[in-house]
Protein backbone atom coordinates (compact mmCIF):
# COMPACT_ATOMS: atom_id res chain seq x y z
CA MET A 1 13.22 -14.89 -8.72
CA GLN A 2 10.44 -12.81 -7.14
CA THR A 3 9.51 -9.46 -8.67
CA PRO A 4 10.44 -6.65 -6.26
CA ALA A 5 7.77 -4.61 -4.53
CA ARG A 6 7.21 -1.18 -6.05
CA TYR A 7 4.37 0.14 -3.88
CA LEU A 8 3.67 0.09 -0.16
CA VAL A 9 0.07 0.90 0.75
CA ILE A 10 -0.98 1.68 4.32
CA ILE A 11 -4.75 1.33 4.55
CA GLU A 12 -7.37 0.98 7.27
CA SER A 13 -9.45 -2.17 7.32
CA GLY A 14 -12.17 -2.52 9.91
CA GLY A 15 -10.50 0.00 12.21
CA ALA A 16 -6.99 -1.47 12.02
CA SER A 17 -4.12 -0.42 9.77
CA GLU A 18 -2.65 -2.86 7.28
CA ALA A 19 0.45 -2.61 5.13
CA HIS A 20 0.31 -4.16 1.66
CA MET A 21 3.19 -4.43 -0.80
CA TYR A 22 2.60 -4.59 -4.55
CA THR A 23 4.70 -5.02 -7.67
CA ALA A 24 4.66 -2.39 -10.41
CA GLU A 25 1.85 -4.44 -12.00
CA ARG A 26 -0.07 -4.15 -8.70
CA ARG A 27 0.22 -7.80 -7.79
CA ARG A 28 0.25 -8.25 -4.00
CA VAL A 29 3.48 -9.72 -2.70
CA ALA A 30 3.07 -9.14 1.05
CA GLU A 31 0.59 -8.07 3.71
CA PHE A 32 1.50 -7.31 7.31
CA ASP A 33 0.79 -5.08 10.30
CA PRO A 34 2.53 -1.71 10.06
CA THR A 35 5.55 -1.75 12.35
CA GLU A 36 8.84 0.03 12.83
CA GLU A 37 9.96 -1.78 9.69
CA VAL A 38 7.54 0.40 7.70
CA SER A 39 9.16 3.51 9.18
CA VAL A 40 12.54 2.32 7.97
CA MET A 41 11.22 1.37 4.52
CA THR A 42 9.53 4.75 4.02
CA GLN A 43 12.21 6.99 5.50
CA GLY A 44 12.68 9.95 3.16
CA LEU A 45 9.69 9.00 0.98
CA VAL A 46 6.59 11.17 0.58
CA PRO A 47 3.35 9.21 0.23
CA GLN A 48 0.57 9.92 -2.20
CA GLN A 49 -2.75 10.36 -0.39
CA GLY A 50 -5.42 7.98 -1.64
CA ALA A 51 -5.62 4.79 -3.70
CA GLU A 52 -8.81 5.63 -5.55
CA GLY A 53 -7.66 5.20 -9.14
CA SER A 54 -8.99 2.39 -11.28
CA GLU A 55 -5.53 0.79 -11.27
CA TRP A 56 -6.14 -0.10 -7.60
CA ASP A 57 -9.65 -1.56 -8.12
CA PRO A 58 -8.58 -5.19 -8.61
CA VAL A 59 -6.53 -5.33 -5.39
CA LEU A 60 -8.30 -2.83 -3.12
CA GLY A 61 -11.87 -3.25 -4.33
CA GLY A 62 -12.88 -4.84 -1.01
CA HIS A 63 -12.05 -1.64 0.87
CA SER A 64 -14.54 1.16 1.32
CA ARG A 65 -14.28 4.38 -0.64
CA ALA A 66 -13.31 6.21 2.59
CA GLU A 67 -10.57 3.68 3.40
CA ARG A 68 -9.13 4.01 -0.09
CA ALA A 69 -9.29 7.81 0.04
CA ALA A 70 -7.36 7.82 3.32
CA ALA A 71 -4.76 5.27 2.21
CA LEU A 72 -1.11 6.26 1.98
CA VAL A 73 0.70 4.99 -1.13
CA TYR A 74 4.51 4.97 -1.10
CA THR A 75 6.50 4.36 -4.27
CA LEU A 76 9.53 2.34 -3.24
CA ASP A 77 13.00 2.63 -4.71
CA VAL A 78 13.66 -0.62 -6.53
């Protein structure tokens, strides 16, 4: 059984937005283009601005500091 996603991160990458889903342990379980589906998944949720903490380094280390600062991090109801 797959571990459910706990976080949804919307982040810019080379000028285009990407949506990444991570488990509570910050293991990536999905990556896709943000679509209407993201709107449905995040309805009623308030994102945290920025994914700059060291807990994000292993999975977002390839992104620039500016991209990480601008990222939106949603904590999903599991």
